[in-house]
């Protein structure tokens, strides 16, 4: 039972780390998306 408990704890840590990584990636994606939606940024194009 000790091994099973240790394995579950390790899996929980991996899932939390994966979720945190996806959350950071998603926030960066959102910020990049908002940056490219700014039509005023292309004002220098003749």
C-alpha atoms as a PDB file:
ATOM      1  CA  UNK A   1       0.000   0.000   0.000  1.00  0.00           C
ATOM      2  CA  UNK A   2       2.954   2.316   0.620  1.00  0.00           C
ATOM      3  CA  UNK A   3       4.074   2.006  -3.006  1.00  0.00           C
ATOM      4  CA  UNK A   4       0.553   2.719  -4.293  1.00  0.00           C
ATOM      5  CA  UNK A   5       0.298   5.823  -2.134  1.00  0.00           C
ATOM      6  CA  UNK A   6       3.691   7.027  -3.360  1.00  0.00           C
ATOM      7  CA  UNK A   7       2.709   6.426  -6.996  1.00  0.00           C
ATOM      8  CA  UNK A   8      -0.536   8.394  -6.598  1.00  0.00           C
ATOM      9  CA  UNK A   9       1.349  11.268  -5.010  1.00  0.00           C
ATOM     10  CA  UNK A  10       3.862  11.306  -7.865  1.00  0.00           C
ATOM     11  CA  UNK A  11       1.073  11.267 -10.461  1.00  0.00           C
ATOM     12  CA  UNK A  12      -0.673  14.156  -8.724  1.00  0.00           C
ATOM     13  CA  UNK A  13       2.541  16.179  -8.854  1.00  0.00           C
ATOM     14  CA  UNK A  14       2.952  15.443 -12.564  1.00  0.00           C
ATOM     15  CA  UNK A  15      -0.659  16.402 -13.341  1.00  0.00           C
ATOM     16  CA  UNK A  16      -0.367  19.659 -11.409  1.00  0.00           C
ATOM     17  CA  UNK A  17       2.902  20.521 -13.168  1.00  0.00           C
ATOM     18  CA  UNK A  18       1.365  19.746 -16.568  1.00  0.00           C
ATOM     19  CA  UNK A  19      -1.685  21.862 -15.773  1.00  0.00           C
ATOM     20  CA  UNK A  20       0.480  24.788 -14.666  1.00  0.00           C
ATOM     21  CA  UNK A  21       2.526  24.557 -17.852  1.00  0.00           C
ATOM     22  CA  UNK A  22      -0.609  24.546 -20.007  1.00  0.00           C
ATOM     23  CA  UNK A  23      -2.020  27.516 -18.090  1.00  0.00           C
ATOM     24  CA  UNK A  24       1.151  29.564 -18.655  1.00  0.00           C
ATOM     25  CA  UNK A  25       1.167  28.614 -22.348  1.00  0.00           C
ATOM     26  CA  UNK A  26      -2.487  29.617 -22.664  1.00  0.00           C
ATOM     27  CA  UNK A  27      -1.933  33.010 -21.040  1.00  0.00           C
ATOM     28  CA  UNK A  28       1.017  33.713 -23.349  1.00  0.00           C
ATOM     29  CA  UNK A  29      -1.125  32.682 -26.332  1.00  0.00           C
ATOM     30  CA  UNK A  30      -3.894  35.057 -25.251  1.00  0.00           C
ATOM     31  CA  UNK A  31      -1.471  37.958 -24.798  1.00  0.00           C
ATOM     32  CA  UNK A  32       0.069  37.357 -28.231  1.00  0.00           C
ATOM     33  CA  UNK A  33      -3.399  37.215 -29.760  1.00  0.00           C
ATOM     34  CA  UNK A  34      -4.406  40.554 -28.261  1.00  0.00           C
ATOM     35  CA  UNK A  35      -1.198  42.098 -29.548  1.00  0.00           C
ATOM     36  CA  UNK A  36      -1.865  41.091 -33.153  1.00  0.00           C
ATOM     37  CA  UNK A  37      -5.479  42.325 -33.060  1.00  0.00           C
ATOM     38  CA  UNK A  38      -4.381  45.944 -32.756  1.00  0.00           C
ATOM     39  CA  UNK A  39      -5.080  47.481 -36.177  1.00  0.00           C
ATOM     40  CA  UNK A  40      -3.497  50.746 -35.032  1.00  0.00           C
ATOM     41  CA  UNK A  41      -0.127  49.009 -34.928  1.00  0.00           C
ATOM     42  CA  UNK A  42      -0.110  48.902 -38.751  1.00  0.00           C
ATOM     43  CA  UNK A  43      -0.471  52.689 -39.089  1.00  0.00           C
ATOM     44  CA  UNK A  44       3.048  52.957 -40.542  1.00  0.00           C
ATOM     45  CA  UNK A  45       2.014  50.979 -43.655  1.00  0.00           C
ATOM     46  CA  UNK A  46       1.342  53.394 -46.532  1.00  0.00           C
END
